Amino acid sequence: MLTAPSIVYPAYTQEGDAVTVFPNTFNGVNDVQSQYIRYPNDPKWTYVTLYGGEPLFDQSQGDYQDFELPIDDVNNLVAKILQYAGVSIREADVFQFGQAQEQQQNQTNI
């Protein structure tokens, strides 16, 4: 009885796309609020092989999966790209801007 679902501590089961909520006193969709969090899918960059054996990217294949990035990591990724681009084109200002953005993000995350 101590572990039975209650209004305060409901439980659910999931079969495919169907979710059943316990206890049965919940009447409508608005009675239950939930949040779904998942890990990003692993990327799979599909390609076809050309006559010379060279790969050619092909995103039209059914099993293609682009990489997914959590929203929290977007600013850090942009700062790193700016740093690498600044080094690549030998522009110190671009590299320093990217470095400053990364430091600012790290300080706000602390």
PDB file of N, CA and C in Angstrom:
ATOM      1  N   MET A   1       0.824  -1.203   0.000  1.00  0.00           N
ATOM      2  CA  MET A   1       0.000   0.000   0.000  1.00  0.00           C
ATOM      3  C   MET A   1       0.864   1.260   0.000  1.00  0.00           C
ATOM      4  N   LEU A   2       2.065   1.178   0.595  1.00  0.00           N
ATOM      5  CA  LEU A   2       2.922   2.358   0.644  1.00  0.00           C
ATOM      6  C   LEU A   2       3.476   2.743  -0.721  1.00  0.00           C
ATOM      7  N   THR A   3       3.571   1.800  -1.642  1.00  0.00           N
ATOM      8  CA  THR A   3       4.138   2.094  -2.953  1.00  0.00           C
ATOM      9  C   THR A   3       3.094   2.217  -4.048  1.00  0.00           C
ATOM     10  N   ALA A   4       1.832   2.173  -3.704  1.00  0.00           N
ATOM     11  CA  ALA A   4       0.775   2.293  -4.706  1.00  0.00           C
ATOM     12  C   ALA A   4       0.734   3.719  -5.249  1.00  0.00           C
ATOM     13  N   PRO A   5       0.440   3.899  -6.541  1.00  0.00           N
ATOM     14  CA  PRO A   5       0.336   5.246  -7.102  1.00  0.00           C
ATOM     15  C   PRO A   5      -0.744   6.060  -6.413  1.00  0.00           C
ATOM     16  N   SER A   6      -0.506   7.335  -6.240  1.00  0.00           N
ATOM     17  CA  SER A   6      -1.491   8.239  -5.640  1.00  0.00           C
ATOM     18  C   SER A   6      -1.535   9.526  -6.453  1.00  0.00           C
ATOM     19  N   ILE A   7      -2.428  10.427  -6.093  1.00  0.00           N
ATOM     20  CA  ILE A   7      -2.526  11.716  -6.786  1.00  0.00           C
ATOM     21  C   ILE A   7      -1.220  12.489  -6.646  1.00  0.00           C
ATOM     22  N   VAL A   8      -0.607  12.402  -5.461  1.00  0.00           N
ATOM     23  CA  VAL A   8       0.646  13.130  -5.209  1.00  0.00           C
ATOM     24  C   VAL A   8       1.822  12.464  -5.919  1.00  0.00           C
ATOM     25  N   TYR A   9       1.851  11.140  -5.953  1.00  0.00           N
ATOM     26  CA  TYR A   9       2.931  10.377  -6.588  1.00  0.00           C
ATOM     27  C   TYR A   9       2.338   9.402  -7.616  1.00  0.00           C
ATOM     28  N   PRO A  10       1.944   9.940  -8.773  1.00  0.00           N
ATOM     29  CA  PRO A  10       1.356   9.064  -9.785  1.00  0.00           C
ATOM     30  C   PRO A  10       2.427   8.195 -10.452  1.00  0.00           C
ATOM     31  N   ALA A  11       1.977   7.220 -11.199  1.00  0.00           N
ATOM     32  CA  ALA A  11       2.862   6.342 -11.960  1.00  0.00           C
ATOM     33  C   ALA A  11       2.277   6.196 -13.357  1.00  0.00           C
ATOM     34  N   TYR A  12       3.077   5.675 -14.261  1.00  0.00           N
ATOM     35  CA  TYR A  12       2.576   5.446 -15.614  1.00  0.00           C
ATOM     36  C   TYR A  12       3.233   4.217 -16.214  1.00  0.00           C
ATOM     37  N   THR A  13       2.606   3.685 -17.224  1.00  0.00           N
ATOM     38  CA  THR A  13       3.192   2.637 -18.050  1.00  0.00           C
ATOM     39  C   THR A  13       3.123   3.109 -19.488  1.00  0.00           C
ATOM     40  N   GLN A  14       4.068   2.656 -20.272  1.00  0.00           N
ATOM     41  CA  GLN A  14       4.099   3.052 -21.673  1.00  0.00           C
ATOM     42  C   GLN A  14       4.245   1.810 -22.537  1.00  0.00           C
ATOM     43  N   GLU A  15       3.353   1.685 -23.503  1.00  0.00           N
ATOM     44  CA  GLU A  15       3.414   0.613 -24.488  1.00  0.00           C
ATOM     45  C   GLU A  15       3.322   1.254 -25.859  1.00  0.00           C
ATOM     46  N   GLY A  16       4.451   1.314 -26.544  1.00  0.00           N
ATOM     47  CA  GLY A  16       4.489   2.006 -27.837  1.00  0.00           C
ATOM     48  C   GLY A  16       4.273   3.486 -27.616  1.00  0.00           C
ATOM     49  N   ASP A  17       3.266   4.041 -28.292  1.00  0.00           N
ATOM     50  CA  ASP A  17       2.939   5.457 -28.132  1.00  0.00           C
ATOM     51  C   ASP A  17       1.865   5.698 -27.079  1.00  0.00           C
ATOM     52  N   ALA A  18       1.299   4.636 -26.500  1.00  0.00           N
ATOM     53  CA  ALA A  18       0.214   4.769 -25.528  1.00  0.00           C
ATOM     54  C   ALA A  18       0.770   4.846 -24.112  1.00  0.00           C
ATOM     55  N   VAL A  19       0.308   5.821 -23.361  1.00  0.00           N
ATOM     56  CA  VAL A  19       0.711   6.013 -21.968  1.00  0.00           C
ATOM     57  C   VAL A  19      -0.530   5.853 -21.097  1.00  0.00           C
ATOM     58  N   THR A  20      -0.421   5.034 -20.043  1.00  0.00           N
ATOM     59  CA  THR A  20      -1.511   4.846 -19.092  1.00  0.00           C
ATOM     60  C   THR A  20      -1.059   5.386 -17.746  1.00  0.00           C
ATOM     61  N   VAL A  21      -1.865   6.286 -17.168  1.00  0.00           N
ATOM     62  CA  VAL A  21      -1.512   6.949 -15.909  1.00  0.00           C
ATOM     63  C   VAL A  21      -2.312   6.335 -14.769  1.00  0.00           C
ATOM     64  N   PHE A  22      -1.637   6.127 -13.640  1.00  0.00           N
ATOM     65  CA  PHE A  22      -2.274   5.592 -12.435  1.00  0.00           C
ATOM     66  C   PHE A  22      -2.089   6.564 -11.296  1.00  0.00           C
ATOM     67  N   PRO A  23      -3.036   6.749 -10.411  1.00  0.00           N
ATOM     68  CA  PRO A  23      -4.305   6.029 -10.277  1.00  0.00           C
ATOM     69  C   PRO A  23      -5.292   6.467 -11.344  1.00  0.00           C
ATOM     70  N   ASN A  24      -6.386   5.768 -11.445  1.00  0.00           N
ATOM     71  CA  ASN A  24      -7.383   6.017 -12.488  1.00  0.00           C
ATOM     72  C   ASN A  24      -8.235   7.247 -12.230  1.00  0.00           C
ATOM     73  N   THR A  25      -7.922   8.026 -11.211  1.00  0.00           N
ATOM     74  CA  THR A  25      -8.725   9.213 -10.897  1.00  0.00           C
ATOM     75  C   THR A  25      -8.416  10.380 -11.831  1.00  0.00           C
ATOM     76  N   PHE A  26      -7.374  10.278 -12.620  1.00  0.00           N
ATOM     77  CA  PHE A  26      -7.093  11.322 -13.606  1.00  0.00           C
ATOM     78  C   PHE A  26      -8.072  11.174 -14.755  1.00  0.00           C
ATOM     79  N   ASN A  27      -8.770  12.278 -15.090  1.00  0.00           N
ATOM     80  CA  ASN A  27      -9.843  12.187 -16.075  1.00  0.00           C
ATOM     81  C   ASN A  27      -9.466  12.706 -17.458  1.00  0.00           C
ATOM     82  N   GLY A  28      -8.624  13.707 -17.508  1.00  0.00           N
ATOM     83  CA  GLY A  28      -8.356  14.311 -18.803  1.00  0.00           C
ATOM     84  C   GLY A  28      -6.882  14.549 -19.056  1.00  0.00           C
ATOM     85  N   VAL A  29      -6.607  14.983 -20.258  1.00  0.00           N
ATOM     86  CA  VAL A  29      -5.237  15.248 -20.669  1.00  0.00           C
ATOM     87  C   VAL A  29      -4.625  16.362 -19.821  1.00  0.00           C
ATOM     88  N   ASN A  30      -5.413  17.335 -19.418  1.00  0.00           N
ATOM     89  CA  ASN A  30      -4.900  18.468 -18.652  1.00  0.00           C
ATOM     90  C   ASN A  30      -4.639  18.134 -17.185  1.00  0.00           C
ATOM     91  N   ASP A  31      -5.032  16.942 -16.746  1.00  0.00           N
ATOM     92  CA  ASP A  31      -4.798  16.544 -15.360  1.00  0.00           C
ATOM     93  C   ASP A  31      -3.348  16.121 -15.109  1.00  0.00           C
ATOM     94  N   VAL A  32      -2.624  15.818 -16.152  1.00  0.00           N
ATOM     95  CA  VAL A  32      -1.261  15.309 -16.015  1.00  0.00           C
ATOM     96  C   VAL A  32      -0.311  16.180 -16.821  1.00  0.00           C
ATOM     97  N   GLN A  33       0.782  16.574 -16.191  1.00  0.00           N
ATOM     98  CA  GLN A  33       1.836  17.287 -16.891  1.00  0.00           C
ATOM     99  C   GLN A  33       3.087  16.425 -16.842  1.00  0.00           C
ATOM    100  N   SER A  34       3.773  16.338 -17.956  1.00  0.00           N
ATOM    101  CA  SER A  34       4.985  15.526 -17.995  1.00  0.00           C
ATOM    102  C   SER A  34       6.042  16.237 -18.828  1.00  0.00           C
ATOM    103  N   GLN A  35       7.257  15.763 -18.687  1.00  0.00           N
ATOM    104  CA  GLN A  35       8.373  16.308 -19.443  1.00  0.00           C
ATOM    105  C   GLN A  35       9.199  15.133 -19.941  1.00  0.00           C
ATOM    106  N   TYR A  36       9.531  15.154 -21.204  1.00  0.00           N
ATOM    107  CA  TYR A  36      10.300  14.080 -21.815  1.00  0.00           C
ATOM    108  C   TYR A  36      11.695  14.604 -22.132  1.00  0.00           C
ATOM    109  N   ILE A  37      12.690  13.951 -21.594  1.00  0.00           N
ATOM    110  CA  ILE A  37      14.077  14.335 -21.851  1.00  0.00           C
ATOM    111  C   ILE A  37      14.775  13.115 -22.433  1.00  0.00           C
ATOM    112  N   ARG A  38      15.481  13.307 -23.517  1.00  0.00           N
ATOM    113  CA  ARG A  38      16.191  12.189 -24.120  1.00  0.00           C
ATOM    114  C   ARG A  38      17.614  12.602 -24.454  1.00  0.00           C
ATOM    115  N   TYR A  39      18.446  11.607 -24.605  1.00  0.00           N
ATOM    116  CA  TYR A  39      19.819  11.840 -25.037  1.00  0.00           C
ATOM    117  C   TYR A  39      19.812  12.115 -26.538  1.00  0.00           C
ATOM    118  N   PRO A  40      20.727  12.948 -27.013  1.00  0.00           N
ATOM    119  CA  PRO A  40      20.798  13.181 -28.459  1.00  0.00           C
ATOM    120  C   PRO A  40      21.094  11.877 -29.203  1.00  0.00           C
ATOM    121  N   ASN A  41      20.522  11.752 -30.382  1.00  0.00           N
ATOM    122  CA  ASN A  41      20.779  10.573 -31.213  1.00  0.00           C
ATOM    123  C   ASN A  41      22.216  10.588 -31.729  1.00  0.00           C
ATOM    124  N   ASP A  42      22.789   9.409 -31.910  1.00  0.00           N
ATOM    125  CA  ASP A  42      24.124   9.308 -32.489  1.00  0.00           C
ATOM    126  C   ASP A  42      24.048   9.682 -33.966  1.00  0.00           C
ATOM    127  N   PRO A  43      24.990  10.493 -34.445  1.00  0.00           N
ATOM    128  CA  PRO A  43      24.951  10.878 -35.857  1.00  0.00           C
ATOM    129  C   PRO A  43      25.315   9.713 -36.766  1.00  0.00           C
ATOM    130  N   LYS A  44      24.713   9.706 -37.923  1.00  0.00           N
ATOM    131  CA  LYS A  44      25.094   8.750 -38.964  1.00  0.00           C
ATOM    132  C   LYS A  44      25.057   9.508 -40.284  1.00  0.00           C
ATOM    133  N   TRP A  45      26.236   9.836 -40.752  1.00  0.00           N
ATOM    134  CA  TRP A  45      26.351  10.577 -41.994  1.00  0.00           C
ATOM    135  C   TRP A  45      26.510   9.576 -43.123  1.00  0.00           C
ATOM    136  N   THR A  46      25.475   9.447 -43.900  1.00  0.00           N
ATOM    137  CA  THR A  46      25.421   8.444 -44.956  1.00  0.00           C
ATOM    138  C   THR A  46      26.132   8.957 -46.203  1.00  0.00           C
ATOM    139  N   TYR A  47      26.603   8.025 -46.977  1.00  0.00           N
ATOM    140  CA  TYR A  47      27.316   8.378 -48.201  1.00  0.00           C
ATOM    141  C   TYR A  47      27.152   7.253 -49.219  1.00  0.00           C
ATOM    142  N   VAL A  48      27.427   7.612 -50.447  1.00  0.00           N
ATOM    143  CA  VAL A  48      27.504   6.629 -51.526  1.00  0.00           C
ATOM    144  C   VAL A  48      28.932   6.644 -52.040  1.00  0.00           C
ATOM    145  N   THR A  49      29.357   5.522 -52.556  1.00  0.00           N
ATOM    146  CA  THR A  49      30.716   5.410 -53.069  1.00  0.00           C
ATOM    147  C   THR A  49      30.713   5.656 -54.567  1.00  0.00           C
ATOM    148  N   LEU A  50      31.578   6.565 -55.003  1.00  0.00           N
ATOM    149  CA  LEU A  50      31.705   6.873 -56.425  1.00  0.00           C
ATOM    150  C   LEU A  50      32.568   5.818 -57.108  1.00  0.00           C
ATOM    151  N   TYR A  51      32.692   5.921 -58.421  1.00  0.00           N
ATOM    152  CA  TYR A  51      33.438   4.932 -59.194  1.00  0.00           C
ATOM    153  C   TYR A  51      34.890   4.825 -58.763  1.00  0.00           C
ATOM    154  N   GLY A  52      35.496   5.919 -58.380  1.00  0.00           N
ATOM    155  CA  GLY A  52      36.893   5.901 -57.956  1.00  0.00           C
ATOM    156  C   GLY A  52      37.071   5.465 -56.510  1.00  0.00           C
ATOM    157  N   GLY A  53      35.983   5.075 -55.833  1.00  0.00           N
ATOM    158  CA  GLY A  53      36.065   4.663 -54.443  1.00  0.00           C
ATOM    159  C   GLY A  53      35.938   5.816 -53.465  1.00  0.00           C
ATOM    160  N   GLU A  54      35.694   7.015 -53.972  1.00  0.00           N
ATOM    161  CA  GLU A  54      35.582   8.192 -53.114  1.00  0.00           C
ATOM    162  C   GLU A  54      34.169   8.282 -52.551  1.00  0.00           C
ATOM    163  N   PRO A  55      34.030   8.625 -51.265  1.00  0.00           N
ATOM    164  CA  PRO A  55      32.685   8.758 -50.693  1.00  0.00           C
ATOM    165  C   PRO A  55      32.053  10.098 -51.080  1.00  0.00           C
ATOM    166  N   LEU A  56      30.748  10.092 -51.278  1.00  0.00           N
ATOM    167  CA  LEU A  56      29.986  11.301 -51.555  1.00  0.00           C
ATOM    168  C   LEU A  56      28.836  11.360 -50.569  1.00  0.00           C
ATOM    169  N   PHE A  57      28.767  12.428 -49.780  1.00  0.00           N
ATOM    170  CA  PHE A  57      27.729  12.597 -48.769  1.00  0.00           C
ATOM    171  C   PHE A  57      26.350  12.527 -49.403  1.00  0.00           C
ATOM    172  N   ASP A  58      25.434  11.783 -48.761  1.00  0.00           N
ATOM    173  CA  ASP A  58      24.077  11.610 -49.276  1.00  0.00           C
ATOM    174  C   ASP A  58      23.087  11.649 -48.109  1.00  0.00           C
ATOM    175  N   GLN A  59      22.495  12.817 -47.881  1.00  0.00           N
ATOM    176  CA  GLN A  59      21.563  12.954 -46.759  1.00  0.00           C
ATOM    177  C   GLN A  59      20.165  12.470 -47.096  1.00  0.00           C
ATOM    178  N   SER A  60      19.914  12.036 -48.309  1.00  0.00           N
ATOM    179  CA  SER A  60      18.575  11.573 -48.678  1.00  0.00           C
ATOM    180  C   SER A  60      18.318  10.122 -48.267  1.00  0.00           C
ATOM    181  N   GLN A  61      19.334   9.419 -47.770  1.00  0.00           N
ATOM    182  CA  GLN A  61      19.141   8.034 -47.351  1.00  0.00           C
ATOM    183  C   GLN A  61      18.285   7.978 -46.089  1.00  0.00           C
ATOM    184  N   GLY A  62      17.526   6.901 -45.938  1.00  0.00           N
ATOM    185  CA  GLY A  62      16.572   6.769 -44.848  1.00  0.00           C
ATOM    186  C   GLY A  62      17.196   6.701 -43.473  1.00  0.00           C
ATOM    187  N   ASP A  63      18.412   6.192 -43.356  1.00  0.00           N
ATOM    188  CA  ASP A  63      19.036   6.058 -42.035  1.00  0.00           C
ATOM    189  C   ASP A  63      19.966   7.225 -41.695  1.00  0.00           C
ATOM    190  N   TYR A  64      19.916   8.309 -42.489  1.00  0.00           N
ATOM    191  CA  TYR A  64      20.729   9.499 -42.198  1.00  0.00           C
ATOM    192  C   TYR A  64      20.277  10.133 -40.889  1.00  0.00           C
ATOM    193  N   GLN A  65      21.225  10.481 -40.019  1.00  0.00           N
ATOM    194  CA  GLN A  65      20.926  11.168 -38.759  1.00  0.00           C
ATOM    195  C   GLN A  65      21.993  12.235 -38.551  1.00  0.00           C
ATOM    196  N   ASP A  66      21.586  13.497 -38.633  1.00  0.00           N
ATOM    197  CA  ASP A  66      22.513  14.593 -38.371  1.00  0.00           C
ATOM    198  C   ASP A  66      22.807  14.634 -36.878  1.00  0.00           C
ATOM    199  N   PHE A  67      23.904  15.268 -36.498  1.00  0.00           N
ATOM    200  CA  PHE A  67      24.202  15.348 -35.069  1.00  0.00           C
ATOM    201  C   PHE A  67      23.239  16.311 -34.404  1.00  0.00           C
ATOM    202  N   GLU A  68      22.930  16.040 -33.159  1.00  0.00           N
ATOM    203  CA  GLU A  68      22.043  16.887 -32.375  1.00  0.00           C
ATOM    204  C   GLU A  68      22.844  17.486 -31.235  1.00  0.00           C
ATOM    205  N   LEU A  69      22.623  18.733 -30.989  1.00  0.00           N
ATOM    206  CA  LEU A  69      23.384  19.445 -29.980  1.00  0.00           C
ATOM    207  C   LEU A  69      22.432  20.012 -28.933  1.00  0.00           C
ATOM    208  N   PRO A  70      22.684  19.729 -27.648  1.00  0.00           N
ATOM    209  CA  PRO A  70      21.854  20.349 -26.616  1.00  0.00           C
ATOM    210  C   PRO A  70      21.960  21.877 -26.689  1.00  0.00           C
ATOM    211  N   ILE A  71      20.878  22.560 -26.416  1.00  0.00           N
ATOM    212  CA  ILE A  71      20.839  24.018 -26.522  1.00  0.00           C
ATOM    213  C   ILE A  71      21.913  24.669 -25.658  1.00  0.00           C
ATOM    214  N   ASP A  72      22.223  24.065 -24.513  1.00  0.00           N
ATOM    215  CA  ASP A  72      23.229  24.631 -23.610  1.00  0.00           C
ATOM    216  C   ASP A  72      24.620  24.681 -24.233  1.00  0.00           C
ATOM    217  N   ASP A  73      24.901  23.853 -25.228  1.00  0.00           N
ATOM    218  CA  ASP A  73      26.236  23.779 -25.818  1.00  0.00           C
ATOM    219  C   ASP A  73      26.423  24.649 -27.047  1.00  0.00           C
ATOM    220  N   VAL A  74      25.373  25.295 -27.522  1.00  0.00           N
ATOM    221  CA  VAL A  74      25.451  26.058 -28.770  1.00  0.00           C
ATOM    222  C   VAL A  74      26.460  27.188 -28.664  1.00  0.00           C
ATOM    223  N   ASN A  75      26.405  27.983 -27.589  1.00  0.00           N
ATOM    224  CA  ASN A  75      27.318  29.121 -27.469  1.00  0.00           C
ATOM    225  C   ASN A  75      28.770  28.677 -27.392  1.00  0.00           C
ATOM    226  N   ASN A  76      29.039  27.594 -26.665  1.00  0.00           N
ATOM    227  CA  ASN A  76      30.408  27.087 -26.582  1.00  0.00           C
ATOM    228  C   ASN A  76      30.898  26.612 -27.939  1.00  0.00           C
ATOM    229  N   LEU A  77      30.040  25.957 -28.704  1.00  0.00           N
ATOM    230  CA  LEU A  77      30.425  25.478 -30.029  1.00  0.00           C
ATOM    231  C   LEU A  77      30.742  26.648 -30.957  1.00  0.00           C
ATOM    232  N   VAL A  78      29.914  27.669 -30.933  1.00  0.00           N
ATOM    233  CA  VAL A  78      30.147  28.842 -31.782  1.00  0.00           C
ATOM    234  C   VAL A  78      31.469  29.509 -31.414  1.00  0.00           C
ATOM    235  N   ALA A  79      31.759  29.626 -30.115  1.00  0.00           N
ATOM    236  CA  ALA A  79      33.019  30.241 -29.681  1.00  0.00           C
ATOM    237  C   ALA A  79      34.214  29.421 -30.167  1.00  0.00           C
ATOM    238  N   LYS A  80      34.128  28.107 -30.086  1.00  0.00           N
ATOM    239  CA  LYS A  80      35.224  27.243 -30.561  1.00  0.00           C
ATOM    240  C   LYS A  80      35.397  27.367 -32.074  1.00  0.00           C
ATOM    241  N   ILE A  81      34.290  27.402 -32.812  1.00  0.00           N
ATOM    242  CA  ILE A  81      34.378  27.549 -34.268  1.00  0.00           C
ATOM    243  C   ILE A  81      35.044  28.869 -34.621  1.00  0.00           C
ATOM    244  N   LEU A  82      34.687  29.939 -33.907  1.00  0.00           N
ATOM    245  CA  LEU A  82      35.326  31.233 -34.155  1.00  0.00           C
ATOM    246  C   LEU A  82      36.825  31.170 -33.890  1.00  0.00           C
ATOM    247  N   GLN A  83      37.214  30.488 -32.825  1.00  0.00           N
ATOM    248  CA  GLN A  83      38.639  30.363 -32.517  1.00  0.00           C
ATOM    249  C   GLN A  83      39.372  29.624 -33.637  1.00  0.00           C
ATOM    250  N   TYR A  84      38.815  28.494 -34.070  1.00  0.00           N
ATOM    251  CA  TYR A  84      39.467  27.713 -35.127  1.00  0.00           C
ATOM    252  C   TYR A  84      39.488  28.470 -36.448  1.00  0.00           C
ATOM    253  N   ALA A  85      38.406  29.185 -36.739  1.00  0.00           N
ATOM    254  CA  ALA A  85      38.373  29.972 -37.975  1.00  0.00           C
ATOM    255  C   ALA A  85      39.391  31.091 -37.915  1.00  0.00           C
ATOM    256  N   GLY A  86      39.542  31.727 -36.753  1.00  0.00           N
ATOM    257  CA  GLY A  86      40.524  32.803 -36.612  1.00  0.00           C
ATOM    258  C   GLY A  86      41.942  32.300 -36.796  1.00  0.00           C
ATOM    259  N   VAL A  87      42.239  31.126 -36.279  1.00  0.00           N
ATOM    260  CA  VAL A  87      43.564  30.541 -36.462  1.00  0.00           C
ATOM    261  C   VAL A  87      43.763  30.150 -37.919  1.00  0.00           C
ATOM    262  N   SER A  88      42.735  29.571 -38.527  1.00  0.00           N
ATOM    263  CA  SER A  88      42.831  29.093 -39.901  1.00  0.00           C
ATOM    264  C   SER A  88      43.087  30.233 -40.878  1.00  0.00           C
ATOM    265  N   ILE A  89      42.408  31.362 -40.700  1.00  0.00           N
ATOM    266  CA  ILE A  89      42.595  32.487 -41.622  1.00  0.00           C
ATOM    267  C   ILE A  89      43.622  33.486 -41.088  1.00  0.00           C
ATOM    268  N   ARG A  90      44.259  33.111 -39.988  1.00  0.00           N
ATOM    269  CA  ARG A  90      45.326  33.920 -39.379  1.00  0.00           C
ATOM    270  C   ARG A  90      44.844  35.324 -39.011  1.00  0.00           C
ATOM    271  N   GLU A  91      43.657  35.374 -38.448  1.00  0.00           N
ATOM    272  CA  GLU A  91      43.094  36.632 -37.960  1.00  0.00           C
ATOM    273  C   GLU A  91      43.041  36.566 -36.436  1.00  0.00           C
ATOM    274  N   ALA A  92      43.944  37.260 -35.800  1.00  0.00           N
ATOM    275  CA  ALA A  92      44.031  37.226 -34.342  1.00  0.00           C
ATOM    276  C   ALA A  92      42.767  37.784 -33.696  1.00  0.00           C
ATOM    277  N   ASP A  93      42.145  38.776 -34.322  1.00  0.00           N
ATOM    278  CA  ASP A  93      40.943  39.382 -33.740  1.00  0.00           C
ATOM    279  C   ASP A  93      39.804  38.366 -33.637  1.00  0.00           C
ATOM    280  N   VAL A  94      39.619  37.554 -34.649  1.00  0.00           N
ATOM    281  CA  VAL A  94      38.550  36.552 -34.633  1.00  0.00           C
ATOM    282  C   VAL A  94      38.832  35.516 -33.552  1.00  0.00           C
ATOM    283  N   PHE A  95      40.082  35.065 -33.465  1.00  0.00           N
ATOM    284  CA  PHE A  95      40.463  34.089 -32.445  1.00  0.00           C
ATOM    285  C   PHE A  95      40.242  34.665 -31.051  1.00  0.00           C
ATOM    286  N   GLN A  96      40.679  35.902 -30.828  1.00  0.00           N
ATOM    287  CA  GLN A  96      40.535  36.527 -29.510  1.00  0.00           C
ATOM    288  C   GLN A  96      39.072  36.735 -29.148  1.00  0.00           C
ATOM    289  N   PHE A  97      38.241  37.083 -30.126  1.00  0.00           N
ATOM    290  CA  PHE A  97      36.809  37.243 -29.856  1.00  0.00           C
ATOM    291  C   PHE A  97      36.195  35.917 -29.433  1.00  0.00           C
ATOM    292  N   GLY A  98      36.521  34.854 -30.145  1.00  0.00           N
ATOM    293  CA  GLY A  98      36.009  33.532 -29.792  1.00  0.00           C
ATOM    294  C   GLY A  98      36.478  33.110 -28.413  1.00  0.00           C
ATOM    295  N   GLN A  99      37.723  33.400 -28.102  1.00  0.00           N
ATOM    296  CA  GLN A  99      38.277  33.056 -26.791  1.00  0.00           C
ATOM    297  C   GLN A  99      37.576  33.849 -25.684  1.00  0.00           C
ATOM    298  N   ALA A 100      37.320  35.137 -25.926  1.00  0.00           N
ATOM    299  CA  ALA A 100      36.628  35.969 -24.939  1.00  0.00           C
ATOM    300  C   ALA A 100      35.202  35.478 -24.718  1.00  0.00           C
ATOM    301  N   GLN A 101      34.520  35.069 -25.804  1.00  0.00           N
ATOM    302  CA  GLN A 101      33.151  34.554 -25.674  1.00  0.00           C
ATOM    303  C   GLN A 101      33.133  33.267 -24.852  1.00  0.00           C
ATOM    304  N   GLU A 102      34.126  32.409 -25.081  1.00  0.00           N
ATOM    305  CA  GLU A 102      34.192  31.154 -24.332  1.00  0.00           C
ATOM    306  C   GLU A 102      34.446  31.420 -22.851  1.00  0.00           C
ATOM    307  N   GLN A 103      35.341  32.355 -22.549  1.00  0.00           N
ATOM    308  CA  GLN A 103      35.619  32.690 -21.154  1.00  0.00           C
ATOM    309  C   GLN A 103      34.390  33.273 -20.483  1.00  0.00           C
ATOM    310  N   GLN A 104      33.650  34.115 -21.209  1.00  0.00           N
ATOM    311  CA  GLN A 104      32.436  34.707 -20.653  1.00  0.00           C
ATOM    312  C   GLN A 104      31.403  33.624 -20.364  1.00  0.00           C
ATOM    313  N   GLN A 105      31.248  32.656 -21.251  1.00  0.00           N
ATOM    314  CA  GLN A 105      30.316  31.555 -21.032  1.00  0.00           C
ATOM    315  C   GLN A 105      30.727  30.720 -19.827  1.00  0.00           C
ATOM    316  N   ASN A 106      32.025  30.469 -19.706  1.00  0.00           N
ATOM    317  CA  ASN A 106      32.504  29.674 -18.577  1.00  0.00           C
ATOM    318  C   ASN A 106      32.257  30.381 -17.251  1.00  0.00           C
ATOM    319  N   GLN A 107      32.378  31.714 -17.224  1.00  0.00           N
ATOM    320  CA  GLN A 107      32.138  32.466 -15.996  1.00  0.00           C
ATOM    321  C   GLN A 107      30.661  32.473 -15.640  1.00  0.00           C
ATOM    322  N   THR A 108      29.772  32.521 -16.630  1.00  0.00           N
ATOM    323  CA  THR A 108      28.343  32.541 -16.322  1.00  0.00           C
ATOM    324  C   THR A 108      27.856  31.153 -15.908  1.00  0.00           C
ATOM    325  N   ASN A 109      28.573  30.100 -16.308  1.00  0.00           N
ATOM    326  CA  ASN A 109      28.173  28.745 -15.936  1.00  0.00           C
ATOM    327  C   ASN A 109      28.645  28.362 -14.537  1.00  0.00           C
ATOM    328  N   ILE A 110      29.525  29.144 -13.956  1.00  0.00           N
ATOM    329  CA  ILE A 110      30.062  28.821 -12.619  1.00  0.00           C
ATOM    330  C   ILE A 110      29.121  29.229 -11.542  1.00  0.00           C
TER     331      ILE A 110
END
